[in-house]
Amino acid sequence: MNAIDRCLAEIRAIREVADGHAPPYVARSRIGRLALSTAVLVAEEAGLPRPDLPGPIQLPADVSAQLSDLARRCDRIVDISRHISQPSEPLADRWERGWHQLIEELDLLEELLKQSLVNR
């Protein structure tokens, strides 16, 4: 499985949580795997060292707009996930709003990844 396919598979796994097909507590680990896989993909494309842990993606200023968009979407997903993966608030408004925002970001990231496949 190539890096883009891995990221797309991880997006599907996160959607299982949102659709209620997996326990909510698995969201954090699935989002972390997606963030790391996306960071690895972006780093490889930018010629940077592969990260060992998920975290903010730092890119040089001269990378393509597509790589910048991938990194920005991934960072946004990680930020949103900090709010929705709190086990004490699964029924709160913040949980529902956060999942809605997360799904929107996943849709955008998925589209960028699919465009990357076409452009190869």
N, C-alpha and C. Protein backbone atom coordinates (compact mmCIF):
# COMPACT_ATOMS: atom_id res chain seq x y z
N MET A 1 0.85 -1.17 0.00
CA MET A 1 0.00 0.00 0.00
C MET A 1 0.90 1.23 0.00
N ASN A 2 0.65 2.16 -0.93
CA ASN A 2 1.46 3.37 -0.96
C ASN A 2 0.98 4.36 0.10
N ALA A 3 1.72 5.43 0.27
CA ALA A 3 1.45 6.39 1.34
C ALA A 3 0.08 7.05 1.19
N ILE A 4 -0.31 7.38 -0.02
CA ILE A 4 -1.62 8.02 -0.23
C ILE A 4 -2.74 7.04 0.09
N ASP A 5 -2.62 5.81 -0.38
CA ASP A 5 -3.64 4.80 -0.08
C ASP A 5 -3.75 4.55 1.42
N ARG A 6 -2.62 4.58 2.12
CA ARG A 6 -2.63 4.40 3.58
C ARG A 6 -3.41 5.53 4.24
N CYS A 7 -3.16 6.75 3.82
CA CYS A 7 -3.88 7.90 4.38
C CYS A 7 -5.38 7.79 4.10
N LEU A 8 -5.74 7.40 2.88
CA LEU A 8 -7.16 7.25 2.54
C LEU A 8 -7.82 6.16 3.38
N ALA A 9 -7.10 5.07 3.63
CA ALA A 9 -7.64 3.99 4.48
C ALA A 9 -7.83 4.49 5.91
N GLU A 10 -6.92 5.31 6.39
CA GLU A 10 -7.04 5.83 7.75
C GLU A 10 -8.19 6.83 7.86
N ILE A 11 -8.47 7.57 6.80
CA ILE A 11 -9.63 8.46 6.79
C ILE A 11 -10.91 7.62 6.91
N ARG A 12 -10.97 6.52 6.16
CA ARG A 12 -12.15 5.64 6.26
C ARG A 12 -12.30 5.10 7.68
N ALA A 13 -11.21 4.75 8.33
CA ALA A 13 -11.27 4.22 9.69
C ALA A 13 -11.79 5.28 10.67
N ILE A 14 -11.40 6.53 10.48
CA ILE A 14 -11.90 7.60 11.35
C ILE A 14 -13.39 7.80 11.12
N ARG A 15 -13.82 7.70 9.88
CA ARG A 15 -15.26 7.86 9.59
C ARG A 15 -16.08 6.77 10.27
N GLU A 16 -15.51 5.59 10.48
CA GLU A 16 -16.23 4.53 11.20
C GLU A 16 -16.59 4.98 12.61
N VAL A 17 -15.71 5.74 13.23
CA VAL A 17 -15.99 6.28 14.57
C VAL A 17 -17.14 7.27 14.47
N ALA A 18 -17.07 8.17 13.50
CA ALA A 18 -18.11 9.19 13.34
C ALA A 18 -19.46 8.57 13.01
N ASP A 19 -19.45 7.47 12.26
CA ASP A 19 -20.69 6.80 11.89
C ASP A 19 -21.21 5.90 12.99
N GLY A 20 -20.48 5.79 14.09
CA GLY A 20 -20.93 4.97 15.22
C GLY A 20 -20.58 3.50 15.08
N HIS A 21 -19.69 3.16 14.14
CA HIS A 21 -19.33 1.76 13.95
C HIS A 21 -18.09 1.34 14.73
N ALA A 22 -17.53 2.25 15.49
CA ALA A 22 -16.38 1.95 16.34
C ALA A 22 -16.52 2.79 17.60
N PRO A 23 -16.00 2.32 18.72
CA PRO A 23 -16.11 3.10 19.96
C PRO A 23 -15.40 4.45 19.84
N PRO A 24 -15.98 5.50 20.41
CA PRO A 24 -15.39 6.83 20.29
C PRO A 24 -13.96 6.95 20.79
N TYR A 25 -13.58 6.14 21.78
CA TYR A 25 -12.23 6.29 22.34
C TYR A 25 -11.14 5.89 21.34
N VAL A 26 -11.49 5.21 20.27
CA VAL A 26 -10.47 4.86 19.27
C VAL A 26 -10.15 6.03 18.34
N ALA A 27 -10.94 7.08 18.42
CA ALA A 27 -10.74 8.23 17.53
C ALA A 27 -9.34 8.81 17.66
N ARG A 28 -8.88 8.99 18.89
CA ARG A 28 -7.57 9.63 19.09
C ARG A 28 -6.45 8.85 18.40
N SER A 29 -6.43 7.54 18.55
CA SER A 29 -5.35 6.76 17.93
C SER A 29 -5.48 6.75 16.41
N ARG A 30 -6.69 6.68 15.90
CA ARG A 30 -6.87 6.69 14.45
C ARG A 30 -6.48 8.03 13.84
N ILE A 31 -6.84 9.10 14.51
CA ILE A 31 -6.46 10.43 14.02
C ILE A 31 -4.95 10.60 14.11
N GLY A 32 -4.35 10.09 15.17
CA GLY A 32 -2.89 10.16 15.29
C GLY A 32 -2.19 9.40 14.18
N ARG A 33 -2.72 8.22 13.82
CA ARG A 33 -2.13 7.46 12.71
C ARG A 33 -2.27 8.21 11.40
N LEU A 34 -3.44 8.82 11.17
CA LEU A 34 -3.63 9.62 9.96
C LEU A 34 -2.66 10.80 9.93
N ALA A 35 -2.52 11.48 11.05
CA ALA A 35 -1.62 12.64 11.11
C ALA A 35 -0.18 12.22 10.81
N LEU A 36 0.25 11.10 11.39
CA LEU A 36 1.61 10.65 11.14
C LEU A 36 1.79 10.20 9.70
N SER A 37 0.83 9.46 9.16
CA SER A 37 0.93 9.01 7.77
C SER A 37 0.97 10.19 6.80
N THR A 38 0.14 11.19 7.08
CA THR A 38 0.12 12.38 6.21
C THR A 38 1.43 13.15 6.35
N ALA A 39 1.93 13.27 7.57
CA ALA A 39 3.21 13.97 7.78
C ALA A 39 4.35 13.24 7.07
N VAL A 40 4.34 11.92 7.11
CA VAL A 40 5.37 11.13 6.41
C VAL A 40 5.26 11.36 4.90
N LEU A 41 4.04 11.31 4.38
CA LEU A 41 3.83 11.54 2.95
C LEU A 41 4.35 12.92 2.54
N VAL A 42 3.97 13.94 3.29
CA VAL A 42 4.39 15.30 2.97
C VAL A 42 5.91 15.43 3.08
N ALA A 43 6.49 14.86 4.13
CA ALA A 43 7.94 14.94 4.32
C ALA A 43 8.68 14.27 3.16
N GLU A 44 8.21 13.09 2.76
CA GLU A 44 8.86 12.40 1.65
C GLU A 44 8.77 13.21 0.37
N GLU A 45 7.61 13.77 0.10
CA GLU A 45 7.43 14.57 -1.12
C GLU A 45 8.28 15.84 -1.08
N ALA A 46 8.49 16.39 0.12
CA ALA A 46 9.27 17.63 0.25
C ALA A 46 10.76 17.37 0.42
N GLY A 47 11.14 16.08 0.49
CA GLY A 47 12.55 15.75 0.66
C GLY A 47 13.05 15.99 2.07
N LEU A 48 12.17 15.91 3.04
CA LEU A 48 12.52 16.12 4.44
C LEU A 48 12.61 14.78 5.17
N PRO A 49 13.24 14.74 6.34
CA PRO A 49 13.27 13.51 7.12
C PRO A 49 11.87 13.10 7.55
N ARG A 50 11.65 11.78 7.60
CA ARG A 50 10.35 11.26 8.05
C ARG A 50 10.17 11.50 9.54
N PRO A 51 9.03 12.04 9.96
CA PRO A 51 8.79 12.22 11.40
C PRO A 51 8.50 10.88 12.07
N ASP A 52 8.83 10.79 13.36
CA ASP A 52 8.55 9.59 14.14
C ASP A 52 7.22 9.68 14.87
N LEU A 53 6.76 10.89 15.13
CA LEU A 53 5.53 11.11 15.89
C LEU A 53 4.68 12.14 15.16
N PRO A 54 3.35 12.07 15.34
CA PRO A 54 2.51 13.11 14.73
C PRO A 54 2.76 14.44 15.43
N GLY A 55 2.68 15.48 14.67
CA GLY A 55 2.87 16.82 15.21
C GLY A 55 2.74 17.83 14.10
N PRO A 56 2.89 19.10 14.44
CA PRO A 56 2.79 20.13 13.41
C PRO A 56 3.80 19.88 12.29
N ILE A 57 3.36 20.08 11.07
CA ILE A 57 4.20 19.83 9.90
C ILE A 57 4.86 21.14 9.50
N GLN A 58 6.18 21.18 9.59
CA GLN A 58 6.96 22.36 9.22
C GLN A 58 7.56 22.15 7.83
N LEU A 59 7.19 23.02 6.90
CA LEU A 59 7.68 22.91 5.53
C LEU A 59 8.46 24.14 5.13
N PRO A 60 9.44 23.97 4.24
CA PRO A 60 10.12 25.15 3.71
C PRO A 60 9.14 25.99 2.87
N ALA A 61 9.46 27.24 2.71
CA ALA A 61 8.57 28.17 2.00
C ALA A 61 8.41 27.83 0.53
N ASP A 62 9.34 27.10 -0.05
CA ASP A 62 9.32 26.88 -1.50
C ASP A 62 8.61 25.58 -1.92
N VAL A 63 7.87 24.93 -1.04
CA VAL A 63 7.17 23.70 -1.43
C VAL A 63 5.92 24.05 -2.23
N SER A 64 5.39 23.06 -2.90
CA SER A 64 4.20 23.28 -3.73
C SER A 64 2.99 23.64 -2.88
N ALA A 65 2.05 24.29 -3.52
CA ALA A 65 0.80 24.65 -2.84
C ALA A 65 0.07 23.41 -2.38
N GLN A 66 0.14 22.33 -3.16
CA GLN A 66 -0.54 21.10 -2.80
C GLN A 66 0.03 20.51 -1.51
N LEU A 67 1.35 20.49 -1.37
CA LEU A 67 1.95 19.98 -0.14
C LEU A 67 1.60 20.88 1.04
N SER A 68 1.60 22.18 0.82
CA SER A 68 1.22 23.11 1.89
C SER A 68 -0.22 22.87 2.32
N ASP A 69 -1.11 22.64 1.36
CA ASP A 69 -2.50 22.35 1.68
C ASP A 69 -2.64 21.06 2.46
N LEU A 70 -1.92 20.01 2.05
CA LEU A 70 -1.96 18.73 2.78
C LEU A 70 -1.51 18.93 4.22
N ALA A 71 -0.41 19.64 4.41
CA ALA A 71 0.11 19.87 5.75
C ALA A 71 -0.88 20.68 6.58
N ARG A 72 -1.45 21.72 6.00
CA ARG A 72 -2.40 22.58 6.71
C ARG A 72 -3.65 21.80 7.11
N ARG A 73 -4.18 20.98 6.21
CA ARG A 73 -5.37 20.17 6.53
C ARG A 73 -5.07 19.19 7.66
N CYS A 74 -3.92 18.56 7.58
CA CYS A 74 -3.54 17.60 8.61
C CYS A 74 -3.42 18.29 9.97
N ASP A 75 -2.76 19.43 10.01
CA ASP A 75 -2.62 20.17 11.26
C ASP A 75 -3.98 20.57 11.81
N ARG A 76 -4.88 20.97 10.94
CA ARG A 76 -6.24 21.37 11.36
C ARG A 76 -6.98 20.17 11.95
N ILE A 77 -6.85 19.01 11.34
CA ILE A 77 -7.51 17.80 11.85
C ILE A 77 -6.99 17.47 13.25
N VAL A 78 -5.69 17.58 13.45
CA VAL A 78 -5.12 17.32 14.77
C VAL A 78 -5.67 18.31 15.80
N ASP A 79 -5.76 19.59 15.42
CA ASP A 79 -6.31 20.59 16.34
C ASP A 79 -7.76 20.27 16.72
N ILE A 80 -8.57 19.94 15.74
CA ILE A 80 -9.97 19.62 16.02
C ILE A 80 -10.07 18.39 16.90
N SER A 81 -9.22 17.41 16.65
CA SER A 81 -9.32 16.15 17.39
C SER A 81 -9.03 16.32 18.87
N ARG A 82 -8.27 17.33 19.24
CA ARG A 82 -7.99 17.56 20.66
C ARG A 82 -9.28 17.81 21.44
N HIS A 83 -10.27 18.39 20.78
CA HIS A 83 -11.53 18.69 21.45
C HIS A 83 -12.49 17.51 21.44
N ILE A 84 -12.52 16.77 20.36
CA ILE A 84 -13.55 15.74 20.24
C ILE A 84 -13.15 14.40 20.82
N SER A 85 -11.88 14.20 21.09
CA SER A 85 -11.48 12.89 21.59
C SER A 85 -11.43 12.85 23.12
N GLN A 86 -12.02 13.83 23.75
CA GLN A 86 -12.09 13.81 25.21
C GLN A 86 -13.20 12.85 25.63
N PRO A 87 -12.87 11.79 26.33
CA PRO A 87 -13.88 10.78 26.66
C PRO A 87 -14.99 11.27 27.57
N SER A 88 -14.79 12.38 28.28
CA SER A 88 -15.82 12.85 29.20
C SER A 88 -16.93 13.64 28.52
N GLU A 89 -16.80 13.93 27.24
CA GLU A 89 -17.78 14.78 26.59
C GLU A 89 -18.38 14.19 25.31
N PRO A 90 -18.65 12.90 25.24
CA PRO A 90 -19.12 12.34 23.97
C PRO A 90 -20.50 12.83 23.52
N LEU A 91 -21.31 13.33 24.44
CA LEU A 91 -22.65 13.76 24.06
C LEU A 91 -22.81 15.28 24.06
N ALA A 92 -21.79 15.99 24.35
CA ALA A 92 -21.87 17.45 24.44
C ALA A 92 -21.95 18.08 23.05
N ASP A 93 -22.41 19.32 23.04
CA ASP A 93 -22.46 20.07 21.78
C ASP A 93 -21.08 20.19 21.15
N ARG A 94 -20.09 20.38 22.00
CA ARG A 94 -18.73 20.51 21.47
C ARG A 94 -18.32 19.25 20.73
N TRP A 95 -18.71 18.10 21.24
CA TRP A 95 -18.41 16.81 20.60
C TRP A 95 -19.04 16.78 19.20
N GLU A 96 -20.32 17.11 19.12
CA GLU A 96 -21.03 17.07 17.84
C GLU A 96 -20.49 18.10 16.85
N ARG A 97 -20.25 19.32 17.32
CA ARG A 97 -19.67 20.35 16.45
C ARG A 97 -18.29 19.93 15.97
N GLY A 98 -17.51 19.39 16.89
CA GLY A 98 -16.16 18.96 16.54
C GLY A 98 -16.16 17.87 15.50
N TRP A 99 -17.06 16.90 15.64
CA TRP A 99 -17.12 15.82 14.63
C TRP A 99 -17.54 16.37 13.28
N HIS A 100 -18.46 17.32 13.29
CA HIS A 100 -18.89 17.93 12.03
C HIS A 100 -17.71 18.63 11.36
N GLN A 101 -16.95 19.40 12.14
CA GLN A 101 -15.77 20.08 11.61
C GLN A 101 -14.73 19.07 11.13
N LEU A 102 -14.54 18.01 11.91
CA LEU A 102 -13.56 17.00 11.54
C LEU A 102 -13.92 16.33 10.22
N ILE A 103 -15.17 15.99 10.05
CA ILE A 103 -15.61 15.34 8.81
C ILE A 103 -15.40 16.28 7.62
N GLU A 104 -15.68 17.56 7.80
CA GLU A 104 -15.43 18.52 6.72
C GLU A 104 -13.95 18.54 6.36
N GLU A 105 -13.09 18.57 7.36
CA GLU A 105 -11.64 18.57 7.11
C GLU A 105 -11.19 17.26 6.47
N LEU A 106 -11.75 16.14 6.91
CA LEU A 106 -11.42 14.85 6.31
C LEU A 106 -11.81 14.83 4.84
N ASP A 107 -12.97 15.40 4.52
CA ASP A 107 -13.40 15.47 3.12
C ASP A 107 -12.40 16.25 2.28
N LEU A 108 -11.95 17.39 2.81
CA LEU A 108 -10.99 18.21 2.08
C LEU A 108 -9.63 17.51 1.94
N LEU A 109 -9.18 16.86 3.02
CA LEU A 109 -7.92 16.13 2.96
C LEU A 109 -8.02 14.97 1.98
N GLU A 110 -9.13 14.27 2.02
CA GLU A 110 -9.33 13.14 1.10
C GLU A 110 -9.28 13.61 -0.35
N GLU A 111 -9.92 14.72 -0.64
CA GLU A 111 -9.91 15.26 -2.00
C GLU A 111 -8.49 15.62 -2.44
N LEU A 112 -7.73 16.26 -1.55
CA LEU A 112 -6.34 16.59 -1.86
C LEU A 112 -5.51 15.34 -2.13
N LEU A 113 -5.72 14.30 -1.33
CA LEU A 113 -4.99 13.05 -1.52
C LEU A 113 -5.35 12.40 -2.85
N LYS A 114 -6.63 12.40 -3.18
CA LYS A 114 -7.05 11.83 -4.45
C LYS A 114 -6.49 12.62 -5.64
N GLN A 115 -6.42 13.94 -5.51
CA GLN A 115 -5.80 14.76 -6.55
C GLN A 115 -4.33 14.39 -6.70
N SER A 116 -3.67 14.10 -5.57
CA SER A 116 -2.27 13.71 -5.61
C SER A 116 -2.10 12.43 -6.39
N LEU A 117 -3.04 11.50 -6.25
CA LEU A 117 -2.97 10.25 -7.01
C LEU A 117 -3.09 10.50 -8.50
N VAL A 118 -3.99 11.39 -8.89
CA VAL A 118 -4.22 11.70 -10.29
C VAL A 118 -3.00 12.40 -10.89
N ASN A 119 -2.36 13.26 -10.12
CA ASN A 119 -1.24 14.06 -10.61
C ASN A 119 0.07 13.28 -10.67
N ARG A 120 0.08 12.05 -10.26
CA ARG A 120 1.32 11.25 -10.29
C ARG A 120 1.55 10.66 -11.62
